[in-house]
Amino acid sequence: QVQPVESGGGTVQTGGSLRLSCAASRRTFSTCTLGWFRQAPGKEREFVAIISWNSGSRIYADSVKGRFTISRDNAKNTVYLQMNSLKPEDTAIYYCATERTPYRFSTEVASNWYWGQGTQVTVSS
C-alpha cells in the first residue's frame, strides 16, 4: 500500500483541538518529506505544513503558524498534525501527502506527492 491513510478528523468548536494521523506503508518512508494540505469547499487545495525526512526542517503556512504542529515517527511510518486554537476558517478536507522523490523538500501542491483520501475537519462557531 503506497497511498497514505489519514485518521482523526471530526467536528470541534472554535478554540478546540484535533490531532490528525497518517500512516503510509512505504519502504522509503524514512527518506521522504511528509506534508499536510487542505481544501475548503469551492477553493483550491492549499499547503498547510511539511516536515523533512529527519524532522530537521518544518515549514508552516502563515495561516496556521503558532497553532498547528507537524511531527513524524519514522519507526511507525506515521506523520501527525496537532491542531490547536481551531477557527471556522480551518474547516476543510485535510490531505496527507508523502513525497515520491527522496529528500525533495517542497511546499508546492503540484510537487510529486502520493495523496491520501482526505479526512474532514469541521470547526463550528
Protein backbone atom coordinates (compact mmCIF):
# COMPACT_ATOMS: atom_id res chain seq x y z
CA GLN A 1 0.00 0.00 0.00
CA VAL A 2 1.55 3.23 -1.18
CA GLN A 3 -1.34 5.61 -0.60
CA PRO A 4 -1.27 7.28 2.81
CA VAL A 5 -4.29 6.78 5.08
CA GLU A 6 -5.47 9.64 7.29
CA SER A 7 -7.46 9.47 10.51
CA GLY A 8 -8.51 11.80 13.32
CA GLY A 9 -10.79 14.27 11.61
CA GLY A 10 -14.08 15.39 13.10
CA THR A 11 -16.11 18.33 14.33
CA VAL A 12 -14.95 20.69 17.07
CA GLN A 13 -15.93 24.08 18.37
CA THR A 14 -13.90 27.22 17.82
CA GLY A 15 -10.82 27.15 20.02
CA GLY A 16 -10.75 23.38 20.22
CA SER A 17 -8.06 20.91 19.19
CA LEU A 18 -7.73 17.90 16.93
CA ARG A 19 -4.86 15.58 16.11
CA LEU A 20 -4.64 14.08 12.65
CA SER A 21 -2.61 10.98 11.94
CA CYS A 22 -1.44 9.49 8.68
CA ALA A 23 0.10 6.08 8.10
CA ALA A 24 2.00 5.21 4.95
CA SER A 25 3.47 1.82 4.15
CA ARG A 26 6.47 2.67 2.04
CA ARG A 27 9.98 1.26 2.15
CA THR A 28 11.30 4.76 1.51
CA PHE A 29 9.15 6.46 4.17
CA SER A 30 12.14 7.46 6.29
CA THR A 31 13.73 9.37 3.38
CA CYS A 32 10.72 11.31 2.16
CA THR A 33 9.25 14.68 3.01
CA LEU A 34 5.75 14.47 4.51
CA GLY A 35 3.08 17.09 4.24
CA TRP A 36 -0.42 18.17 5.13
CA PHE A 37 -2.62 20.11 2.74
CA ARG A 38 -6.26 21.14 2.88
CA GLN A 39 -9.10 22.03 0.57
CA ALA A 40 -12.14 24.03 1.60
CA PRO A 41 -15.39 23.96 -0.42
CA GLY A 42 -15.05 25.99 -3.59
CA LYS A 43 -11.35 26.60 -3.07
CA GLU A 44 -8.16 25.11 -4.39
CA ARG A 45 -6.04 22.71 -2.37
CA GLU A 46 -3.50 24.63 -0.28
CA PHE A 47 -0.36 23.88 1.64
CA VAL A 48 -0.59 23.61 5.44
CA ALA A 49 2.70 22.14 6.71
CA ILE A 50 5.63 19.95 5.66
CA ILE A 51 8.37 18.15 7.55
CA SER A 52 11.69 16.90 6.22
CA TRP A 53 12.84 13.28 6.30
CA ASN A 54 14.76 13.66 9.57
CA SER A 55 12.42 16.22 11.19
CA GLY A 56 15.18 18.79 10.89
CA SER A 57 13.08 21.23 8.90
CA ARG A 58 9.44 22.23 9.14
CA ILE A 59 7.51 24.85 7.19
CA TYR A 60 4.02 26.12 8.02
CA ALA A 61 1.53 28.23 6.14
CA ASP A 62 1.19 31.68 7.70
CA SER A 63 -2.46 30.98 8.46
CA VAL A 64 -1.62 28.09 10.83
CA LYS A 65 1.75 29.16 12.21
CA GLY A 66 1.80 29.03 16.01
CA ARG A 67 -1.36 26.91 16.15
CA PHE A 68 -0.50 23.72 14.21
CA THR A 69 2.44 21.37 14.73
CA ILE A 70 3.61 18.71 12.30
CA SER A 71 5.65 15.76 13.54
CA ARG A 72 6.65 12.30 12.35
CA ASP A 73 7.59 8.91 13.74
CA ASN A 74 9.67 7.02 11.18
CA ALA A 75 9.58 3.85 13.28
CA LYS A 76 5.79 3.83 12.88
CA ASN A 77 5.68 5.23 9.32
CA THR A 78 3.32 7.89 10.63
CA VAL A 79 3.00 11.65 10.40
CA TYR A 80 0.87 13.80 12.69
CA LEU A 81 -0.74 17.21 12.62
CA GLN A 82 -1.64 18.66 16.00
CA MET A 83 -4.16 21.45 15.51
CA ASN A 84 -4.87 23.84 18.38
CA SER A 85 -6.93 27.03 18.67
CA LEU A 86 -9.02 25.96 15.71
CA LYS A 87 -11.01 28.55 13.79
CA PRO A 88 -14.02 28.19 11.47
CA GLU A 89 -11.75 29.08 8.55
CA ASP A 90 -9.77 25.90 9.25
CA THR A 91 -12.77 23.88 8.08
CA ALA A 92 -11.67 21.76 5.12
CA ILE A 93 -10.76 18.30 3.95
CA TYR A 94 -7.22 17.63 5.13
CA TYR A 95 -4.93 15.55 2.96
CA CYS A 96 -1.75 13.78 3.95
CA ALA A 97 0.97 13.58 1.33
CA THR A 98 4.24 11.72 1.01
CA GLU A 99 6.84 12.98 -1.44
CA ARG A 100 7.78 10.42 -4.11
CA THR A 101 11.26 11.79 -4.66
CA PRO A 102 13.59 11.03 -1.70
CA TYR A 103 14.78 14.11 0.20
CA ARG A 104 12.92 16.54 -2.04
CA PHE A 105 11.55 19.37 0.15
CA SER A 106 8.78 21.40 -1.45
CA THR A 107 5.53 23.05 -0.35
CA GLU A 108 4.08 23.02 -3.85
CA VAL A 109 0.74 21.25 -4.28
CA ALA A 110 1.94 20.27 -7.76
CA SER A 111 5.03 18.51 -6.39
CA ASN A 112 5.46 14.76 -6.75
CA TRP A 113 3.18 13.57 -3.93
CA TYR A 114 1.33 10.43 -3.04
CA TRP A 115 -2.02 11.66 -1.69
CA GLY A 116 -4.25 10.23 0.98
CA GLN A 117 -8.02 10.11 0.57
CA GLY A 118 -8.57 13.02 2.95
CA THR A 119 -10.28 13.49 6.29
CA GLN A 120 -12.91 16.11 7.07
CA VAL A 121 -12.26 18.74 9.75
CA THR A 122 -15.17 20.99 10.68
CA VAL A 123 -14.86 23.86 13.14
CA SER A 124 -18.15 25.27 14.35
CA SER A 125 -18.53 28.84 15.58
